[in-house]
Amino acid sequence: MIKKKPGEIWKPLQFPGWKQLRKKYAVSNHGRTVSYDKDVLEDGKLLNGSLTTGYRTLNLHRPGNKGTIYIHREVAKLFCNKKSSKHKYVIHLNHKKLDNNIRNLQWATLEEMAAHQQNSPEKIAYKKQQRIKASTSKGLKLTPTQVKTIKKIINDPKRIITYKQLAHKYKVSEMTLYRIRSGENWGLVNV
């Protein structure tokens, strides 16, 4: 039996293969998930689900589909309005991935999602840690001098060396070079 919270609304989850499952599933506007037979409040059982990269998920083995269901996306589909078809991503406004209340969820475009992630406390702490490492060069594969050289090479319009060759030369991944170019890594080192 589920105790309903004030203002809580339950809606059934309907995903590919849901009719073949023994139980039915529902989510609420408060971000809670239940499995039930006939009625959410009478015979429902609250589910914690699993954590996948910090997000609450349900791993339901459905006929022909063993995919993971992300709770925040399902809550957003059922309770939040999309502004346009470009709004394909769901963000947590307070950056807390386990807070799936509709007040904390919003559909976003790719650009909005990327900007929102840059302001997350985790990302800010990571950037601060990287700045400290960069100033001491301890525990890093590259030195600030090497990064300056890499940036000059990358920005040279007559560059003939490929990213793959550059990555091999400095013993870093190509992705590291793309992050240096975009300023995500080593953004404080100027050419």
N, C-alpha and C. Protein backbone atom coordinates (compact mmCIF):
# COMPACT_ATOMS: atom_id res chain seq x y z
N MET A 1 0.85 -1.20 0.00
CA MET A 1 0.00 0.00 0.00
C MET A 1 0.89 1.25 0.00
N ILE A 2 0.54 2.19 -0.83
CA ILE A 2 1.32 3.42 -0.97
C ILE A 2 0.60 4.56 -0.26
N LYS A 3 1.34 5.29 0.55
CA LYS A 3 0.77 6.48 1.19
C LYS A 3 0.99 7.66 0.26
N LYS A 4 -0.10 8.26 -0.18
CA LYS A 4 -0.05 9.37 -1.13
C LYS A 4 0.41 10.64 -0.43
N LYS A 5 1.33 11.36 -1.09
CA LYS A 5 1.79 12.64 -0.58
C LYS A 5 0.83 13.73 -1.03
N PRO A 6 0.73 14.85 -0.29
CA PRO A 6 -0.15 15.94 -0.71
C PRO A 6 0.20 16.44 -2.12
N GLY A 7 -0.81 16.52 -2.97
CA GLY A 7 -0.63 17.00 -4.34
C GLY A 7 0.01 16.00 -5.29
N GLU A 8 0.20 14.79 -4.84
CA GLU A 8 0.87 13.79 -5.69
C GLU A 8 -0.11 13.20 -6.70
N ILE A 9 0.35 13.10 -7.94
CA ILE A 9 -0.45 12.54 -9.03
C ILE A 9 0.35 11.38 -9.63
N TRP A 10 -0.31 10.25 -9.84
CA TRP A 10 0.34 9.07 -10.42
C TRP A 10 -0.12 8.87 -11.86
N LYS A 11 0.83 8.51 -12.73
CA LYS A 11 0.50 8.19 -14.12
C LYS A 11 1.20 6.88 -14.49
N PRO A 12 0.51 6.02 -15.24
CA PRO A 12 1.12 4.74 -15.62
C PRO A 12 2.24 4.93 -16.65
N LEU A 13 3.28 4.09 -16.50
CA LEU A 13 4.37 4.07 -17.47
C LEU A 13 3.97 3.15 -18.61
N GLN A 14 4.14 3.64 -19.81
CA GLN A 14 3.85 2.83 -20.99
C GLN A 14 5.04 2.94 -21.93
N PHE A 15 5.77 1.84 -22.03
CA PHE A 15 6.98 1.78 -22.82
C PHE A 15 6.92 0.52 -23.66
N PRO A 16 7.79 0.37 -24.66
CA PRO A 16 7.75 -0.84 -25.49
C PRO A 16 7.87 -2.11 -24.63
N GLY A 17 6.91 -3.00 -24.77
CA GLY A 17 6.92 -4.26 -24.04
C GLY A 17 6.23 -4.23 -22.68
N TRP A 18 5.63 -3.10 -22.29
CA TRP A 18 5.04 -3.00 -20.95
C TRP A 18 3.86 -3.94 -20.76
N LYS A 19 3.13 -4.24 -21.82
CA LYS A 19 1.94 -5.11 -21.70
C LYS A 19 2.32 -6.57 -21.40
N GLN A 20 3.54 -6.97 -21.76
CA GLN A 20 3.96 -8.35 -21.53
C GLN A 20 4.49 -8.59 -20.11
N LEU A 21 4.66 -7.56 -19.33
CA LEU A 21 5.20 -7.72 -17.97
C LEU A 21 4.10 -8.14 -16.99
N ARG A 22 4.52 -8.85 -15.95
CA ARG A 22 3.55 -9.31 -14.93
C ARG A 22 2.97 -8.14 -14.14
N LYS A 23 3.79 -7.17 -13.86
CA LYS A 23 3.37 -6.01 -13.07
C LYS A 23 3.18 -4.79 -13.96
N LYS A 24 2.45 -3.82 -13.44
CA LYS A 24 2.33 -2.51 -14.09
C LYS A 24 3.24 -1.55 -13.32
N TYR A 25 3.61 -0.47 -13.97
CA TYR A 25 4.51 0.51 -13.34
C TYR A 25 3.92 1.90 -13.51
N ALA A 26 4.22 2.76 -12.53
CA ALA A 26 3.75 4.14 -12.58
C ALA A 26 4.78 5.06 -11.93
N VAL A 27 4.75 6.33 -12.33
CA VAL A 27 5.58 7.36 -11.69
C VAL A 27 4.67 8.50 -11.25
N SER A 28 5.15 9.24 -10.26
CA SER A 28 4.36 10.37 -9.77
C SER A 28 5.07 11.68 -10.11
N ASN A 29 4.33 12.76 -9.98
CA ASN A 29 4.90 14.09 -10.21
C ASN A 29 5.94 14.44 -9.14
N HIS A 30 6.03 13.63 -8.08
CA HIS A 30 7.05 13.82 -7.05
C HIS A 30 8.30 13.00 -7.36
N GLY A 31 8.26 12.25 -8.48
CA GLY A 31 9.43 11.48 -8.90
C GLY A 31 9.51 10.09 -8.30
N ARG A 32 8.45 9.64 -7.66
CA ARG A 32 8.46 8.29 -7.08
C ARG A 32 7.99 7.28 -8.12
N THR A 33 8.44 6.03 -7.96
CA THR A 33 8.11 4.96 -8.90
C THR A 33 7.52 3.79 -8.12
N VAL A 34 6.49 3.15 -8.71
CA VAL A 34 5.88 1.98 -8.08
C VAL A 34 5.63 0.89 -9.12
N SER A 35 5.54 -0.34 -8.58
CA SER A 35 5.01 -1.45 -9.37
C SER A 35 3.70 -1.83 -8.69
N TYR A 36 2.72 -2.28 -9.49
CA TYR A 36 1.42 -2.61 -8.92
C TYR A 36 0.70 -3.61 -9.81
N ASP A 37 -0.36 -4.22 -9.24
CA ASP A 37 -1.18 -5.16 -10.01
C ASP A 37 -2.43 -4.49 -10.54
N LYS A 38 -3.23 -3.89 -9.63
CA LYS A 38 -4.51 -3.31 -10.03
C LYS A 38 -4.61 -1.82 -9.76
N ASP A 39 -4.13 -1.38 -8.59
CA ASP A 39 -4.25 0.02 -8.22
C ASP A 39 -2.98 0.48 -7.51
N VAL A 40 -2.44 1.61 -7.92
CA VAL A 40 -1.19 2.12 -7.37
C VAL A 40 -1.25 2.25 -5.85
N LEU A 41 -2.32 2.87 -5.33
CA LEU A 41 -2.39 3.15 -3.90
C LEU A 41 -2.75 1.91 -3.07
N GLU A 42 -3.50 0.99 -3.64
CA GLU A 42 -3.95 -0.17 -2.87
C GLU A 42 -2.91 -1.29 -2.82
N ASP A 43 -2.34 -1.66 -3.95
CA ASP A 43 -1.41 -2.78 -3.95
C ASP A 43 -0.03 -2.41 -4.51
N GLY A 44 0.26 -1.11 -4.58
CA GLY A 44 1.54 -0.65 -5.12
C GLY A 44 2.70 -0.86 -4.17
N LYS A 45 3.88 -1.03 -4.75
CA LYS A 45 5.11 -1.20 -3.99
C LYS A 45 6.11 -0.17 -4.50
N LEU A 46 6.61 0.69 -3.59
CA LEU A 46 7.60 1.70 -3.98
C LEU A 46 8.88 1.02 -4.43
N LEU A 47 9.46 1.54 -5.50
CA LEU A 47 10.69 0.99 -6.05
C LEU A 47 11.83 2.00 -5.92
N ASN A 48 12.98 1.50 -5.52
CA ASN A 48 14.17 2.35 -5.50
C ASN A 48 14.86 2.35 -6.85
N GLY A 49 14.76 1.23 -7.55
CA GLY A 49 15.43 1.10 -8.83
C GLY A 49 16.93 0.98 -8.65
N SER A 50 17.65 1.28 -9.69
CA SER A 50 19.12 1.23 -9.67
C SER A 50 19.66 2.61 -9.96
N LEU A 51 20.98 2.73 -9.85
CA LEU A 51 21.64 3.97 -10.22
C LEU A 51 22.51 3.71 -11.45
N THR A 52 22.32 4.52 -12.47
CA THR A 52 23.13 4.44 -13.69
C THR A 52 23.70 5.83 -13.92
N THR A 53 25.00 5.95 -13.81
CA THR A 53 25.72 7.23 -13.91
C THR A 53 25.06 8.32 -13.04
N GLY A 54 24.62 7.93 -11.86
CA GLY A 54 24.03 8.87 -10.91
C GLY A 54 22.54 9.10 -11.06
N TYR A 55 21.91 8.55 -12.10
CA TYR A 55 20.48 8.73 -12.33
C TYR A 55 19.71 7.50 -11.84
N ARG A 56 18.51 7.73 -11.31
CA ARG A 56 17.64 6.63 -10.88
C ARG A 56 17.07 5.96 -12.13
N THR A 57 17.17 4.61 -12.18
CA THR A 57 16.70 3.87 -13.35
C THR A 57 15.94 2.62 -12.94
N LEU A 58 15.17 2.11 -13.88
CA LEU A 58 14.53 0.79 -13.75
C LEU A 58 15.12 -0.09 -14.84
N ASN A 59 15.54 -1.27 -14.46
CA ASN A 59 16.06 -2.23 -15.43
C ASN A 59 15.02 -3.33 -15.58
N LEU A 60 14.13 -3.16 -16.53
CA LEU A 60 13.04 -4.11 -16.74
C LEU A 60 13.35 -4.96 -17.96
N HIS A 61 13.41 -6.27 -17.74
CA HIS A 61 13.70 -7.18 -18.84
C HIS A 61 12.40 -7.48 -19.57
N ARG A 62 12.25 -6.79 -20.69
CA ARG A 62 11.03 -6.90 -21.49
C ARG A 62 11.29 -7.73 -22.71
N PRO A 63 10.29 -8.40 -23.21
CA PRO A 63 10.48 -9.20 -24.42
C PRO A 63 11.03 -8.36 -25.58
N GLY A 64 12.19 -8.77 -26.09
CA GLY A 64 12.78 -8.07 -27.22
C GLY A 64 13.46 -6.75 -26.88
N ASN A 65 13.48 -6.38 -25.59
CA ASN A 65 14.08 -5.10 -25.21
C ASN A 65 14.56 -5.19 -23.77
N LYS A 66 15.85 -5.06 -23.56
CA LYS A 66 16.40 -5.13 -22.21
C LYS A 66 16.94 -3.77 -21.78
N GLY A 67 16.37 -2.72 -22.32
CA GLY A 67 16.88 -1.38 -22.07
C GLY A 67 16.59 -0.87 -20.67
N THR A 68 17.34 0.15 -20.32
CA THR A 68 17.20 0.82 -19.04
C THR A 68 16.21 1.97 -19.20
N ILE A 69 15.34 2.13 -18.21
CA ILE A 69 14.37 3.23 -18.21
C ILE A 69 14.84 4.27 -17.19
N TYR A 70 15.11 5.47 -17.67
CA TYR A 70 15.54 6.56 -16.79
C TYR A 70 14.30 7.25 -16.23
N ILE A 71 14.18 7.24 -14.91
CA ILE A 71 12.99 7.77 -14.24
C ILE A 71 12.78 9.25 -14.54
N HIS A 72 13.82 10.05 -14.50
CA HIS A 72 13.65 11.49 -14.73
C HIS A 72 13.08 11.76 -16.12
N ARG A 73 13.48 10.97 -17.10
CA ARG A 73 12.94 11.15 -18.46
C ARG A 73 11.46 10.77 -18.52
N GLU A 74 11.09 9.69 -17.84
CA GLU A 74 9.70 9.26 -17.84
C GLU A 74 8.81 10.27 -17.12
N VAL A 75 9.28 10.80 -16.00
CA VAL A 75 8.52 11.83 -15.27
C VAL A 75 8.34 13.05 -16.17
N ALA A 76 9.41 13.46 -16.84
CA ALA A 76 9.34 14.62 -17.73
C ALA A 76 8.37 14.38 -18.89
N LYS A 77 8.41 13.17 -19.48
CA LYS A 77 7.50 12.85 -20.58
C LYS A 77 6.04 12.98 -20.15
N LEU A 78 5.75 12.54 -18.94
CA LEU A 78 4.36 12.51 -18.48
C LEU A 78 3.88 13.82 -17.85
N PHE A 79 4.79 14.62 -17.30
CA PHE A 79 4.35 15.79 -16.53
C PHE A 79 4.89 17.14 -17.00
N CYS A 80 5.94 17.17 -17.81
CA CYS A 80 6.56 18.44 -18.20
C CYS A 80 6.31 18.72 -19.68
N ASN A 81 6.06 19.98 -19.99
CA ASN A 81 5.82 20.38 -21.38
C ASN A 81 7.12 20.66 -22.10
N LYS A 82 7.20 20.23 -23.36
CA LYS A 82 8.34 20.54 -24.22
C LYS A 82 8.02 21.83 -24.95
N LYS A 83 9.01 22.71 -25.06
CA LYS A 83 8.82 23.96 -25.79
C LYS A 83 8.85 23.73 -27.30
N SER A 84 9.69 22.77 -27.73
CA SER A 84 9.80 22.48 -29.16
C SER A 84 10.38 21.08 -29.34
N SER A 85 10.46 20.64 -30.58
CA SER A 85 11.02 19.32 -30.86
C SER A 85 12.53 19.29 -30.63
N LYS A 86 13.17 20.45 -30.52
CA LYS A 86 14.60 20.52 -30.24
C LYS A 86 14.91 20.24 -28.77
N HIS A 87 13.90 20.33 -27.93
CA HIS A 87 14.07 20.08 -26.50
C HIS A 87 13.99 18.57 -26.26
N LYS A 88 15.15 17.90 -26.41
CA LYS A 88 15.21 16.44 -26.33
C LYS A 88 15.84 15.94 -25.04
N TYR A 89 16.39 16.83 -24.24
CA TYR A 89 17.14 16.45 -23.06
C TYR A 89 16.43 16.94 -21.81
N VAL A 90 16.57 16.18 -20.73
CA VAL A 90 15.95 16.56 -19.46
C VAL A 90 17.06 16.94 -18.48
N ILE A 91 16.97 18.13 -17.92
CA ILE A 91 17.96 18.58 -16.94
C ILE A 91 17.34 18.66 -15.56
N HIS A 92 18.19 18.48 -14.55
CA HIS A 92 17.80 18.66 -13.16
C HIS A 92 18.21 20.09 -12.78
N LEU A 93 17.25 20.94 -12.52
CA LEU A 93 17.54 22.36 -12.28
C LEU A 93 18.49 22.58 -11.12
N ASN A 94 18.36 21.76 -10.04
CA ASN A 94 19.24 21.93 -8.87
C ASN A 94 20.49 21.06 -8.96
N HIS A 95 20.71 20.42 -10.11
CA HIS A 95 21.87 19.56 -10.39
C HIS A 95 21.89 18.30 -9.53
N LYS A 96 20.81 17.97 -8.85
CA LYS A 96 20.74 16.75 -8.04
C LYS A 96 20.02 15.69 -8.85
N LYS A 97 20.77 14.71 -9.35
CA LYS A 97 20.24 13.72 -10.29
C LYS A 97 19.19 12.80 -9.67
N LEU A 98 19.11 12.74 -8.36
CA LEU A 98 18.13 11.86 -7.72
C LEU A 98 16.82 12.60 -7.38
N ASP A 99 16.80 13.90 -7.56
CA ASP A 99 15.60 14.69 -7.29
C ASP A 99 14.76 14.77 -8.57
N ASN A 100 13.83 13.82 -8.71
CA ASN A 100 13.03 13.72 -9.93
C ASN A 100 11.65 14.36 -9.80
N ASN A 101 11.48 15.26 -8.85
CA ASN A 101 10.24 16.01 -8.71
C ASN A 101 10.09 16.92 -9.93
N ILE A 102 8.85 17.08 -10.43
CA ILE A 102 8.65 17.86 -11.65
C ILE A 102 9.11 19.32 -11.51
N ARG A 103 9.14 19.84 -10.29
CA ARG A 103 9.63 21.22 -10.10
C ARG A 103 11.12 21.32 -10.40
N ASN A 104 11.81 20.16 -10.39
CA ASN A 104 13.26 20.14 -10.61
C ASN A 104 13.64 19.71 -12.02
N LEU A 105 12.67 19.33 -12.84
CA LEU A 105 12.96 18.83 -14.17
C LEU A 105 12.53 19.81 -15.24
N GLN A 106 13.30 19.86 -16.32
CA GLN A 106 12.96 20.75 -17.43
C GLN A 106 13.54 20.18 -18.72
N TRP A 107 12.75 20.24 -19.79
CA TRP A 107 13.25 19.84 -21.11
C TRP A 107 14.20 20.92 -21.60
N ALA A 108 15.27 20.50 -22.28
CA ALA A 108 16.27 21.46 -22.76
C ALA A 108 16.81 21.03 -24.12
N THR A 109 17.34 22.01 -24.84
CA THR A 109 18.04 21.72 -26.09
C THR A 109 19.45 21.24 -25.73
N LEU A 110 20.18 20.76 -26.71
CA LEU A 110 21.55 20.32 -26.47
C LEU A 110 22.40 21.47 -25.92
N GLU A 111 22.24 22.66 -26.50
CA GLU A 111 23.01 23.82 -26.06
C GLU A 111 22.66 24.21 -24.63
N GLU A 112 21.36 24.19 -24.29
CA GLU A 112 20.94 24.53 -22.93
C GLU A 112 21.46 23.51 -21.93
N MET A 113 21.43 22.23 -22.31
CA MET A 113 21.92 21.18 -21.42
C MET A 113 23.42 21.35 -21.17
N ALA A 114 24.18 21.62 -22.23
CA ALA A 114 25.63 21.78 -22.09
C ALA A 114 25.96 22.98 -21.20
N ALA A 115 25.25 24.08 -21.38
CA ALA A 115 25.47 25.27 -20.55
C ALA A 115 25.11 24.98 -19.10
N HIS A 116 24.01 24.26 -18.89
CA HIS A 116 23.58 23.92 -17.54
C HIS A 116 24.62 23.05 -16.83
N GLN A 117 25.20 22.10 -17.55
CA GLN A 117 26.20 21.21 -16.96
C GLN A 117 27.45 21.98 -16.53
N GLN A 118 27.80 23.02 -17.27
CA GLN A 118 28.99 23.81 -16.92
C GLN A 118 28.82 24.52 -15.57
N ASN A 119 27.57 24.73 -15.15
CA ASN A 119 27.30 25.42 -13.89
C ASN A 119 27.05 24.47 -12.72
N SER A 120 27.20 23.17 -12.93
CA SER A 120 26.95 22.22 -11.85
C SER A 120 28.05 22.32 -10.81
N PRO A 121 27.72 22.15 -9.54
CA PRO A 121 28.74 22.20 -8.48
C PRO A 121 29.87 21.19 -8.72
N GLU A 122 29.56 20.01 -9.24
CA GLU A 122 30.59 19.01 -9.52
C GLU A 122 31.56 19.50 -10.59
N LYS A 123 31.03 20.10 -11.64
CA LYS A 123 31.87 20.59 -12.74
C LYS A 123 32.73 21.76 -12.26
N ILE A 124 32.17 22.65 -11.46
CA ILE A 124 32.91 23.79 -10.93
C ILE A 124 34.05 23.30 -10.04
N ALA A 125 33.77 22.30 -9.19
CA ALA A 125 34.80 21.74 -8.32
C ALA A 125 35.89 21.06 -9.14
N TYR A 126 35.49 20.37 -10.20
CA TYR A 126 36.46 19.71 -11.08
C TYR A 126 37.37 20.74 -11.74
N LYS A 127 36.78 21.82 -12.25
CA LYS A 127 37.58 22.86 -12.90
C LYS A 127 38.57 23.49 -11.92
N LYS A 128 38.12 23.70 -10.68
CA LYS A 128 38.99 24.28 -9.65
C LYS A 128 40.15 23.33 -9.38
N GLN A 129 39.85 22.05 -9.26
CA GLN A 129 40.89 21.05 -9.03
C GLN A 129 41.89 21.03 -10.19
N GLN A 130 41.38 21.13 -11.42
CA GLN A 130 42.25 21.14 -12.59
C GLN A 130 43.15 22.38 -12.60
N ARG A 131 42.60 23.53 -12.18
CA ARG A 131 43.41 24.76 -12.13
C ARG A 131 44.55 24.60 -11.12
N ILE A 132 44.25 23.97 -9.99
CA ILE A 132 45.29 23.75 -8.97
C ILE A 132 46.36 22.82 -9.52
N LYS A 133 45.92 21.74 -10.16
CA LYS A 133 46.89 20.80 -10.76
C LYS A 133 47.73 21.49 -11.82
N ALA A 134 47.08 22.31 -12.64
CA ALA A 134 47.78 22.98 -13.73
C ALA A 134 48.84 23.95 -13.19
N SER A 135 48.53 24.59 -12.08
CA SER A 135 49.49 25.56 -11.53
C SER A 135 50.70 24.86 -10.92
N THR A 136 50.54 23.61 -10.50
CA THR A 136 51.66 22.87 -9.92
C THR A 136 52.24 21.86 -10.91
N SER A 137 51.47 21.50 -11.93
CA SER A 137 51.84 20.49 -12.94
C SER A 137 52.07 19.11 -12.33
N LYS A 138 51.56 18.88 -11.13
CA LYS A 138 51.71 17.56 -10.50
C LYS A 138 50.55 16.67 -10.93
N GLY A 139 50.86 15.45 -11.30
CA GLY A 139 49.83 14.48 -11.66
C GLY A 139 49.23 14.71 -13.04
N LEU A 140 49.82 15.58 -13.84
CA LEU A 140 49.31 15.86 -15.18
C LEU A 140 50.26 15.31 -16.23
N LYS A 141 49.70 14.93 -17.37
CA LYS A 141 50.50 14.41 -18.47
C LYS A 141 51.21 15.53 -19.23
N LEU A 142 50.63 16.72 -19.21
CA LEU A 142 51.18 17.85 -19.96
C LEU A 142 51.59 18.97 -19.04
N THR A 143 52.55 19.76 -19.47
CA THR A 143 52.93 20.96 -18.74
C THR A 143 52.28 22.16 -19.44
N PRO A 144 52.17 23.28 -18.76
CA PRO A 144 51.62 24.47 -19.42
C PRO A 144 52.38 24.86 -20.69
N THR A 145 53.69 24.66 -20.70
CA THR A 145 54.49 24.97 -21.89
C THR A 145 54.10 24.07 -23.06
N GLN A 146 53.92 22.77 -22.78
CA GLN A 146 53.49 21.84 -23.82
C GLN A 146 52.11 22.22 -24.36
N VAL A 147 51.23 22.64 -23.46
CA VAL A 147 49.87 23.02 -23.87
C VAL A 147 49.92 24.24 -24.78
N LYS A 148 50.76 25.22 -24.45
CA LYS A 148 50.92 26.40 -25.32
C LYS A 148 51.35 25.97 -26.72
N THR A 149 52.32 25.06 -26.78
CA THR A 149 52.81 24.57 -28.07
C THR A 149 51.69 23.85 -28.82
N ILE A 150 50.95 23.01 -28.12
CA ILE A 150 49.84 22.27 -28.73
C ILE A 150 48.80 23.24 -29.28
N LYS A 151 48.46 24.27 -28.50
CA LYS A 151 47.47 25.24 -28.95
C LYS A 151 47.94 25.98 -30.20
N LYS A 152 49.24 26.32 -30.25
CA LYS A 152 49.79 26.99 -31.44
C LYS A 152 49.67 26.07 -32.66
N ILE A 153 50.00 24.80 -32.47
CA ILE A 153 49.93 23.84 -33.58
C ILE A 153 48.49 23.67 -34.05
N ILE A 154 47.57 23.48 -33.10
CA ILE A 154 46.16 23.25 -33.44
C ILE A 154 45.57 24.45 -34.18
N ASN A 155 45.92 25.66 -33.74
CA ASN A 155 45.35 26.87 -34.34
C ASN A 155 46.05 27.34 -35.60
N ASP A 156 47.13 26.68 -35.97
CA ASP A 156 47.87 27.06 -37.18
C ASP A 156 47.07 26.66 -38.42
N PRO A 157 46.67 27.62 -39.25
CA PRO A 157 45.88 27.29 -40.45
C PRO A 157 46.66 26.44 -41.46
N LYS A 158 47.99 26.45 -41.38
CA LYS A 158 48.82 25.66 -42.29
C LYS A 158 49.27 24.34 -41.65
N ARG A 159 48.60 23.94 -40.60
CA ARG A 159 48.97 22.72 -39.86
C ARG A 159 48.91 21.51 -40.78
N ILE A 160 49.95 20.68 -40.72
CA ILE A 160 49.96 19.45 -41.52
C ILE A 160 49.91 18.21 -40.63
N ILE A 161 50.23 18.35 -39.36
CA ILE A 161 50.17 17.23 -38.43
C ILE A 161 48.71 16.96 -38.04
N THR A 162 48.34 15.69 -37.98
CA THR A 162 46.96 15.34 -37.62
C THR A 162 46.81 15.27 -36.10
N TYR A 163 45.56 15.27 -35.65
CA TYR A 163 45.30 15.13 -34.21
C TYR A 163 45.86 13.81 -33.70
N LYS A 164 45.73 12.78 -34.50
CA LYS A 164 46.23 11.46 -34.11
C LYS A 164 47.75 11.50 -33.91
N GLN A 165 48.45 12.12 -34.82
CA GLN A 165 49.90 12.23 -34.73
C GLN A 165 50.31 13.09 -33.53
N LEU A 166 49.57 14.18 -33.31
CA LEU A 166 49.85 15.07 -32.19
C LEU A 166 49.62 14.36 -30.86
N ALA A 167 48.54 13.59 -30.80
CA ALA A 167 48.23 12.83 -29.58
C ALA A 167 49.32 11.81 -29.31
N HIS A 168 49.79 11.15 -30.35
CA HIS A 168 50.85 10.15 -30.19
C HIS A 168 52.15 10.82 -29.70
N LYS A 169 52.45 11.96 -30.28
CA LYS A 169 53.67 12.69 -29.92
C LYS A 169 53.68 13.08 -28.43
N TYR A 170 52.55 13.53 -27.91
CA TYR A 170 52.48 14.00 -26.52
C TYR A 170 51.93 12.93 -25.55
N LYS A 171 51.67 11.74 -26.08
CA LYS A 171 51.18 10.61 -25.27
C LYS A 171 49.89 10.95 -24.52
N VAL A 172 48.93 11.56 -25.25
CA VAL A 172 47.60 11.86 -24.72
C VAL A 172 46.58 11.37 -25.73
N SER A 173 45.32 11.37 -25.35
CA SER A 173 44.27 10.94 -26.28
C SER A 173 43.91 12.09 -27.23
N GLU A 174 43.31 11.72 -28.33
CA GLU A 174 42.82 12.75 -29.26
C GLU A 174 41.75 13.60 -28.59
N MET A 175 40.93 12.95 -27.73
CA MET A 175 39.87 13.68 -27.02
C MET A 175 40.48 14.79 -26.16
N THR A 176 41.63 14.52 -25.55
CA THR A 176 42.29 15.54 -24.75
C THR A 176 42.62 16.75 -25.62
N LEU A 177 43.07 16.50 -26.84
CA LEU A 177 43.39 17.60 -27.75
C LEU A 177 42.15 18.40 -28.12
N TYR A 178 41.03 17.71 -28.36
CA TYR A 178 39.78 18.41 -28.68
C TYR A 178 39.32 19.25 -27.48
N ARG A 179 39.54 18.73 -26.28
CA ARG A 179 39.15 19.48 -25.08
C ARG A 179 40.06 20.68 -24.86
N ILE A 180 41.33 20.54 -25.21
CA ILE A 180 42.24 21.69 -25.13
C ILE A 180 41.80 22.75 -26.13
N ARG A 181 41.46 22.33 -27.36
CA ARG A 181 41.03 23.27 -28.40
C ARG A 181 39.78 24.04 -27.98
N SER A 182 38.80 23.33 -27.36
CA SER A 182 37.55 23.99 -26.97
C SER A 182 37.69 24.81 -25.70
N GLY A 183 38.78 24.60 -24.95
CA GLY A 183 38.97 25.33 -23.70
C GLY A 183 38.43 24.60 -22.49
N GLU A 184 37.85 23.42 -22.71
CA GLU A 184 37.34 22.65 -21.58
C GLU A 184 38.50 22.22 -20.67
N ASN A 185 39.60 21.81 -21.28
CA ASN A 185 40.83 21.50 -20.53
C ASN A 185 41.86 22.57 -20.84
N TRP A 186 42.57 22.98 -19.84
CA TRP A 186 43.66 23.95 -19.98
C TRP A 186 43.17 25.29 -20.55
N GLY A 187 41.98 25.68 -20.19
CA GLY A 187 41.40 26.92 -20.71
C GLY A 187 42.13 28.17 -20.25
N LEU A 188 42.83 28.07 -19.13
CA LEU A 188 43.53 29.25 -18.60
C LEU A 188 44.91 29.48 -19.22
N VAL A 189 45.39 28.48 -19.96
CA VAL A 189 46.70 28.62 -20.62
C VAL A 189 46.48 29.33 -21.95
N ASN A 190 47.09 30.50 -22.08
CA ASN A 190 46.93 31.30 -23.31
C ASN A 190 48.15 31.14 -24.20
N VAL A 191 47.91 31.29 -25.50
CA VAL A 191 49.00 31.17 -26.47
C VAL A 191 49.75 32.48 -26.56
